[in-house]
Amino acid sequence: MKKCCNMCISDNIVWEFIKDNGEKTLGNCDFNASHKNVSIIDPQKLQGLFEPIFKWYKVDNKNGLLFNKGLSIFSSKIFDNSKLISAIFPDGRYSFFLENRISFDKNKYKKEHKLKGYPEKLWYKFCKEVKNKYRFFADIDIEFDKTFDICKRPIYAGEIFFRARFNMAGKIFSKEKMGKPPRQSSENYRANVKGIPVLYLSSTRETAALEIQSYKGAILNIAEFIVEEDLNIVDLARDSTLFKSILPFKLGEDYGTYIFYRTFLCDIVFKLFIPINKDNRDIDYLPCQIISEKIKKLGYDGLGFLGINGYNLVLFKDNKVRLTRNSLYTVDDLSVIINEKDSIEYNS
């Protein structure tokens, strides 16, 4: 029986699976003669990894992509994908991959999950409805728990984030003024509604300065926060890049859900990123504010998203971070080169 090797498939998870579940001794690959003394395995043992991905695809010669364009799974060193797929699935169930263009079968996913519509259309309808028709009773038929579960990731204790505020008086603000705003002074913004404050943080001082639209000559108070306890967040910033080059085997059984909701998630990422005119933000931020509350309701500590020049973090509570340093900076030019003027450090 022919054997394939870990170098046949461009994915670390499959590599590890072959090393752990393949032949005990190294051997030569039957699908590329140049792969010698490598980890090898009976291709049929890989069915459990490939089936959750392959099952969602259909023939689509009009709008689809060729197999290695739509699913860049096999190494470019494999000269004949058809032989390897036939070896993994000898019953021929996916032989159509190599003779046709393929695309993700949204209808199959919708039917199997008994959904009312496609998420991008439901999302568009929801945004329109919440802005123009029903503010508090709008409905959206999207599997939020499954969708956001795919995007979750930890932020580990010890990581550092920053918050910036204008401070033209030139005297360092108190710790209280650099934390989460009090309810009575919190305004509508991307991820929160007026009266329900959150803590907005950024990955760098420069990103924090850009997020408040700083300008040359401005004096900023920038606080440094350390994460004291691991955070569980929905990371839309990470997935905005992951959308373009996903790792199918990492998603496993969640692959179908991820692809089905990808357009919807991309639109949320876009709406979180684009600047909104202050005159319209009470209305335009509504869909993202509701999404943020959905994430909060599901028990996450916060969400991450891409900002003007870096990564931003929204925390619904501030009990897992601690302010460790509070400093004054001046903005030297429009590229936000900042120089420290004064600082206070806190040990507890």
Protein backbone atom coordinates (compact mmCIF):
# COMPACT_ATOMS: atom_id res chain seq x y z
CA MET A 1 0.00 0.00 0.00
CA LYS A 2 1.29 3.44 -0.93
CA LYS A 3 2.31 5.90 1.78
CA CYS A 4 2.27 9.69 1.81
CA CYS A 5 4.48 11.84 3.99
CA ASN A 6 4.30 14.94 6.15
CA MET A 7 5.83 17.01 3.34
CA CYS A 8 2.89 16.30 1.02
CA ILE A 9 0.51 18.57 2.92
CA SER A 10 1.11 22.25 3.70
CA ASP A 11 -0.25 22.29 7.24
CA ASN A 12 1.48 21.87 10.60
CA ILE A 13 -1.49 20.09 12.19
CA VAL A 14 -1.38 17.38 9.52
CA TRP A 15 2.38 17.18 9.88
CA GLU A 16 2.04 16.48 13.61
CA PHE A 17 -0.77 13.99 13.00
CA ILE A 18 1.40 12.02 10.56
CA LYS A 19 4.33 12.01 12.98
CA ASP A 20 2.11 10.81 15.85
CA ASN A 21 -0.05 8.32 13.95
CA GLY A 22 2.08 7.19 11.02
CA GLU A 23 4.66 4.46 10.63
CA LYS A 24 7.04 4.05 13.55
CA THR A 25 10.06 4.19 11.26
CA LEU A 26 10.94 6.74 8.62
CA GLY A 27 10.45 5.79 5.00
CA ASN A 28 10.14 7.04 1.44
CA CYS A 29 7.06 8.85 0.11
CA ASP A 30 5.23 7.20 -2.79
CA PHE A 31 3.85 10.52 -4.07
CA ASN A 32 7.13 12.35 -4.47
CA ALA A 33 10.31 10.38 -5.07
CA SER A 34 12.47 13.15 -3.62
CA HIS A 35 10.88 12.76 -0.15
CA LYS A 36 13.14 10.16 1.49
CA ASN A 37 13.59 9.19 5.14
CA VAL A 38 10.52 11.11 6.20
CA SER A 39 7.46 10.44 8.40
CA ILE A 40 4.98 8.40 6.34
CA ILE A 41 1.39 7.22 6.81
CA ASP A 42 -1.39 5.26 5.12
CA PRO A 43 -3.32 8.09 3.34
CA GLN A 44 -6.70 6.66 4.42
CA LYS A 45 -5.83 7.51 8.03
CA LEU A 46 -6.10 11.19 7.02
CA GLN A 47 -9.81 10.95 6.15
CA GLY A 48 -10.86 12.31 9.55
CA LEU A 49 -8.87 15.49 8.92
CA PHE A 50 -10.00 16.05 5.34
CA GLU A 51 -13.69 15.10 5.55
CA PRO A 52 -14.84 18.15 7.66
CA ILE A 53 -13.35 20.41 4.97
CA PHE A 54 -14.06 18.59 1.73
CA LYS A 55 -17.71 17.81 2.54
CA TRP A 56 -18.78 21.44 2.13
CA TYR A 57 -17.63 21.83 -1.47
CA LYS A 58 -19.55 21.38 -4.70
CA VAL A 59 -18.89 21.55 -8.43
CA ASP A 60 -19.10 25.15 -9.63
CA ASN A 61 -17.47 25.49 -13.03
CA LYS A 62 -19.01 28.94 -13.55
CA ASN A 63 -17.90 30.82 -10.43
CA GLY A 64 -15.68 28.38 -8.57
CA LEU A 65 -11.93 28.01 -8.26
CA LEU A 66 -9.57 25.24 -9.21
CA PHE A 67 -8.85 22.95 -6.26
CA ASN A 68 -5.40 24.28 -5.38
CA LYS A 69 -6.59 27.88 -5.69
CA GLY A 70 -9.67 27.46 -3.52
CA LEU A 71 -8.03 25.11 -1.03
CA SER A 72 -4.24 25.42 -0.86
CA ILE A 73 -3.75 22.23 1.11
CA PHE A 74 -1.26 20.09 -0.77
CA SER A 75 2.35 21.01 -1.15
CA SER A 76 3.41 22.42 -4.51
CA LYS A 77 5.92 19.57 -4.58
CA ILE A 78 3.10 17.07 -5.19
CA PHE A 79 2.93 16.72 -8.93
CA ASP A 80 -0.42 14.89 -9.11
CA ASN A 81 -3.00 15.82 -6.47
CA SER A 82 -5.50 13.41 -7.97
CA LYS A 83 -3.47 10.38 -6.92
CA LEU A 84 -3.18 11.57 -3.33
CA ILE A 85 -6.88 12.45 -3.02
CA SER A 86 -7.77 9.06 -4.52
CA ALA A 87 -5.51 7.41 -1.97
CA ILE A 88 -7.12 9.28 0.93
CA PHE A 89 -10.64 8.57 -0.35
CA PRO A 90 -10.40 5.39 -2.47
CA ASP A 91 -14.21 5.29 -2.84
CA GLY A 92 -13.90 8.27 -5.22
CA ARG A 93 -16.31 10.56 -3.34
CA TYR A 94 -14.15 13.63 -4.00
CA SER A 95 -12.80 12.80 -7.42
CA PHE A 96 -14.79 15.76 -8.81
CA PHE A 97 -12.34 18.13 -7.07
CA LEU A 98 -9.73 17.50 -9.72
CA GLU A 99 -11.90 17.60 -12.81
CA ASN A 100 -13.91 20.74 -12.02
CA ARG A 101 -13.88 24.13 -10.37
CA ILE A 102 -15.32 24.03 -6.84
CA SER A 103 -16.96 26.42 -4.38
CA PHE A 104 -18.30 26.32 -0.83
CA ASP A 105 -21.88 25.00 -0.79
CA LYS A 106 -23.75 27.63 1.23
CA ASN A 107 -27.11 26.02 0.51
CA LYS A 108 -25.96 22.74 2.03
CA TYR A 109 -24.73 24.47 5.18
CA LYS A 110 -27.93 26.52 5.51
CA LYS A 111 -30.11 23.46 5.07
CA GLU A 112 -28.17 21.27 7.52
CA HIS A 113 -28.23 23.99 10.18
CA LYS A 114 -31.87 24.94 9.49
CA LEU A 115 -31.06 28.62 8.98
CA LYS A 116 -33.47 31.19 7.57
CA GLY A 117 -31.00 32.94 5.30
CA TYR A 118 -27.42 33.85 4.50
CA PRO A 119 -25.56 35.80 7.22
CA GLU A 120 -24.38 38.67 5.01
CA LYS A 121 -27.96 39.30 3.86
CA LEU A 122 -29.35 38.90 7.40
CA TRP A 123 -26.66 41.28 8.67
CA TYR A 124 -27.47 43.89 6.03
CA LYS A 125 -31.16 43.58 6.89
CA PHE A 126 -30.38 43.85 10.59
CA CYS A 127 -28.21 46.98 10.16
CA LYS A 128 -30.94 48.64 8.12
CA GLU A 129 -33.65 47.63 10.58
CA VAL A 130 -31.83 48.71 13.73
CA LYS A 131 -31.01 52.11 12.22
CA ASN A 132 -34.36 52.87 10.65
CA LYS A 133 -37.11 50.67 12.03
CA TYR A 134 -36.72 48.79 15.32
CA ARG A 135 -34.11 50.04 17.75
CA PHE A 136 -34.69 47.62 20.63
CA PHE A 137 -36.62 44.73 19.10
CA ALA A 138 -34.69 44.06 15.90
CA ASP A 139 -33.92 40.39 15.37
CA ILE A 140 -31.01 38.65 13.67
CA ASP A 141 -30.88 34.93 12.91
CA ILE A 142 -27.14 34.35 13.20
CA GLU A 143 -25.37 31.68 15.26
CA PHE A 144 -23.40 34.14 17.38
CA ASP A 145 -22.13 31.53 19.80
CA LYS A 146 -20.62 29.39 17.01
CA THR A 147 -19.43 32.36 14.97
CA PHE A 148 -17.55 34.08 17.77
CA ASP A 149 -16.28 30.84 19.26
CA ILE A 150 -14.22 30.41 16.09
CA CYS A 151 -12.65 33.85 16.61
CA LYS A 152 -11.84 33.49 20.29
CA ARG A 153 -8.30 33.59 21.63
CA PRO A 154 -6.58 34.26 24.95
CA ILE A 155 -4.59 37.33 25.84
CA TYR A 156 -2.09 36.15 28.41
CA ALA A 157 -1.13 37.67 31.73
CA GLY A 158 1.89 39.93 31.34
CA GLU A 159 0.90 41.52 28.02
CA ILE A 160 0.99 45.33 27.93
CA PHE A 161 -1.59 47.77 26.51
CA PHE A 162 -2.02 51.55 26.48
CA ARG A 163 -4.71 54.21 26.80
CA ALA A 164 -4.29 57.84 25.69
CA ARG A 165 -6.15 61.04 26.60
CA PHE A 166 -5.53 64.68 25.72
CA ASN A 167 -4.01 66.60 28.63
CA MET A 168 -3.13 70.14 27.57
CA ALA A 169 -2.86 71.27 31.20
CA GLY A 170 0.39 69.35 31.42
CA LYS A 171 -0.25 67.72 34.81
CA ILE A 172 -0.45 63.93 34.98
CA PHE A 173 -3.98 62.64 35.45
CA SER A 174 -4.90 60.49 38.42
CA LYS A 175 -5.16 56.72 37.99
CA GLU A 176 -8.94 56.97 38.17
CA LYS A 177 -9.09 59.32 35.17
CA MET A 178 -7.09 56.91 33.02
CA GLY A 179 -9.22 53.85 33.77
CA LYS A 180 -12.65 52.93 32.49
CA PRO A 181 -14.80 56.09 32.35
CA PRO A 182 -17.60 56.55 34.91
CA ARG A 183 -21.09 55.74 33.65
CA GLN A 184 -22.27 59.34 33.65
CA SER A 185 -19.50 60.49 31.31
CA SER A 186 -19.29 57.53 28.89
CA GLU A 187 -20.33 58.39 25.33
CA ASN A 188 -21.47 56.36 22.33
CA TYR A 189 -18.51 54.78 20.57
CA ARG A 190 -17.63 51.75 18.46
CA ALA A 191 -18.21 49.06 21.07
CA ASN A 192 -20.30 50.71 23.78
CA VAL A 193 -23.44 52.77 24.26
CA LYS A 194 -23.77 55.87 26.37
CA GLY A 195 -24.00 54.98 30.07
CA ILE A 196 -22.34 51.56 29.72
CA PRO A 197 -18.59 52.26 29.72
CA VAL A 198 -15.84 49.94 28.52
CA LEU A 199 -12.07 50.24 28.62
CA TYR A 200 -10.48 50.96 25.22
CA LEU A 201 -6.82 49.97 25.01
CA SER A 202 -4.22 49.82 22.23
CA SER A 203 -1.18 47.67 21.57
CA THR A 204 1.28 50.61 21.38
CA ARG A 205 1.51 54.20 22.58
CA GLU A 206 1.44 55.40 18.98
CA THR A 207 -1.73 53.46 18.20
CA ALA A 208 -3.39 54.82 21.35
CA ALA A 209 -2.42 58.37 20.29
CA LEU A 210 -3.80 57.90 16.76
CA GLU A 211 -7.06 56.46 18.06
CA ILE A 212 -7.90 59.76 19.77
CA GLN A 213 -6.90 61.71 16.62
CA SER A 214 -3.92 63.44 18.17
CA TYR A 215 -2.10 66.24 16.34
CA LYS A 216 1.32 67.90 16.25
CA GLY A 217 2.01 69.76 19.47
CA ALA A 218 -0.63 67.94 21.50
CA ILE A 219 0.13 66.87 25.04
CA LEU A 220 -1.13 63.39 25.83
CA ASN A 221 -1.56 61.44 29.03
CA ILE A 222 -0.76 57.81 28.18
CA ALA A 223 -1.34 55.07 30.73
CA GLU A 224 0.30 51.68 30.58
CA PHE A 225 -1.74 48.64 31.64
CA ILE A 226 -0.54 45.12 32.36
CA VAL A 227 -2.82 42.10 32.00
CA GLU A 228 -2.83 40.38 35.39
CA GLU A 229 -5.14 37.48 34.53
CA ASP A 230 -5.61 35.70 31.21
CA LEU A 231 -8.36 37.25 29.08
CA ASN A 232 -10.74 35.38 26.79
CA ILE A 233 -11.65 37.63 23.86
CA VAL A 234 -13.25 37.55 20.42
CA ASP A 235 -10.38 38.61 18.19
CA LEU A 236 -11.81 40.22 15.06
CA ALA A 237 -8.48 41.90 14.34
CA ARG A 238 -6.73 38.56 13.98
CA ASP A 239 -9.48 37.15 11.81
CA SER A 240 -9.49 40.10 9.45
CA THR A 241 -6.16 38.78 8.18
CA LEU A 242 -7.02 35.13 8.78
CA PHE A 243 -9.94 35.50 6.36
CA LYS A 244 -7.43 35.86 3.54
CA SER A 245 -5.30 32.80 4.36
CA ILE A 246 -7.09 30.47 6.74
CA LEU A 247 -5.70 27.23 8.12
CA PRO A 248 -8.44 24.69 7.37
CA PHE A 249 -7.20 21.86 9.59
CA LYS A 250 -6.93 24.13 12.61
CA LEU A 251 -10.65 24.82 12.33
CA GLY A 252 -11.60 21.17 11.85
CA GLU A 253 -15.34 20.68 12.40
CA ASP A 254 -15.75 24.48 12.63
CA TYR A 255 -14.48 24.98 9.09
CA GLY A 256 -17.98 25.08 7.54
CA THR A 257 -19.27 27.58 10.10
CA TYR A 258 -16.24 29.79 9.58
CA ILE A 259 -16.54 29.91 5.80
CA PHE A 260 -20.32 30.37 5.93
CA TYR A 261 -20.01 33.40 8.21
CA ARG A 262 -16.78 34.83 6.79
CA THR A 263 -18.42 37.64 4.79
CA PHE A 264 -20.50 38.63 7.79
CA LEU A 265 -17.43 38.75 10.05
CA CYS A 266 -15.46 40.75 7.47
CA ASP A 267 -18.22 43.36 7.43
CA ILE A 268 -18.13 43.68 11.23
CA VAL A 269 -14.35 44.11 11.04
CA PHE A 270 -14.77 46.81 8.39
CA LYS A 271 -17.41 48.67 10.41
CA LEU A 272 -15.23 48.56 13.52
CA PHE A 273 -12.27 49.95 11.59
CA ILE A 274 -13.68 52.79 9.46
CA PRO A 275 -13.83 56.25 11.05
CA ILE A 276 -17.37 57.58 11.46
CA ASN A 277 -18.47 61.22 11.37
CA LYS A 278 -19.27 62.41 14.90
CA ASP A 279 -22.58 63.82 13.69
CA ASN A 280 -23.74 60.36 12.59
CA ARG A 281 -22.07 58.04 15.06
CA ASP A 282 -25.07 57.63 17.38
CA ILE A 283 -26.79 55.86 14.48
CA ASP A 284 -23.90 54.39 12.51
CA TYR A 285 -22.30 52.70 15.53
CA LEU A 286 -25.53 50.93 16.52
CA PRO A 287 -24.92 47.57 14.73
CA CYS A 288 -21.39 47.25 16.14
CA GLN A 289 -22.57 48.25 19.61
CA ILE A 290 -25.16 45.49 19.50
CA ILE A 291 -22.56 42.97 18.30
CA SER A 292 -20.31 44.06 21.17
CA GLU A 293 -23.12 43.44 23.65
CA LYS A 294 -23.74 40.01 22.09
CA ILE A 295 -20.06 39.18 22.70
CA LYS A 296 -20.33 40.46 26.27
CA LYS A 297 -23.52 38.45 26.84
CA LEU A 298 -21.71 35.28 25.71
CA GLY A 299 -19.26 35.73 28.60
CA TYR A 300 -16.16 37.02 26.84
CA ASP A 301 -13.89 39.56 28.53
CA GLY A 302 -13.72 41.75 25.45
CA LEU A 303 -13.01 42.01 21.74
CA GLY A 304 -10.05 42.96 19.59
CA PHE A 305 -10.13 44.91 16.33
CA LEU A 306 -7.77 46.70 13.96
CA GLY A 307 -7.46 50.43 14.46
CA ILE A 308 -5.87 53.23 12.47
CA ASN A 309 -2.33 51.96 12.90
CA GLY A 310 -2.41 48.86 15.06
CA TYR A 311 -4.35 46.62 17.37
CA ASN A 312 -7.10 47.73 19.75
CA LEU A 313 -8.67 45.93 22.67
CA VAL A 314 -12.06 46.60 24.25
CA LEU A 315 -12.57 45.25 27.78
CA PHE A 316 -16.04 45.07 29.26
CA LYS A 317 -14.56 45.02 32.78
CA ASP A 318 -11.22 46.32 33.99
CA ASN A 319 -10.69 43.87 36.88
CA LYS A 320 -8.10 41.77 35.02
CA VAL A 321 -5.75 44.62 34.10
CA ARG A 322 -3.77 47.04 36.26
CA LEU A 323 -2.42 50.51 35.51
CA THR A 324 1.34 50.43 36.10
CA ARG A 325 2.63 53.65 34.58
CA ASN A 326 1.10 57.05 33.83
CA SER A 327 3.04 59.45 31.59
CA LEU A 328 2.85 62.75 29.72
CA TYR A 329 3.95 62.84 26.08
CA THR A 330 4.17 65.48 23.38
CA VAL A 331 3.34 64.71 19.75
CA ASP A 332 6.26 65.87 17.61
CA ASP A 333 4.81 65.36 14.12
CA LEU A 334 1.84 63.98 12.24
CA SER A 335 3.33 60.48 12.13
CA VAL A 336 2.84 60.52 15.92
CA ILE A 337 6.41 60.42 17.15
CA ILE A 338 5.93 60.98 20.84
CA ASN A 339 8.41 62.06 23.52
CA GLU A 340 7.93 61.44 27.22
CA LYS A 341 7.82 64.54 29.43
CA ASP A 342 6.99 63.11 32.87
CA SER A 343 5.73 59.87 34.39
CA ILE A 344 4.51 58.12 37.53
CA GLU A 345 4.93 54.40 38.17
CA TYR A 346 2.61 52.32 40.37
CA ASN A 347 3.62 49.11 42.11
CA SER A 348 0.09 48.03 43.01
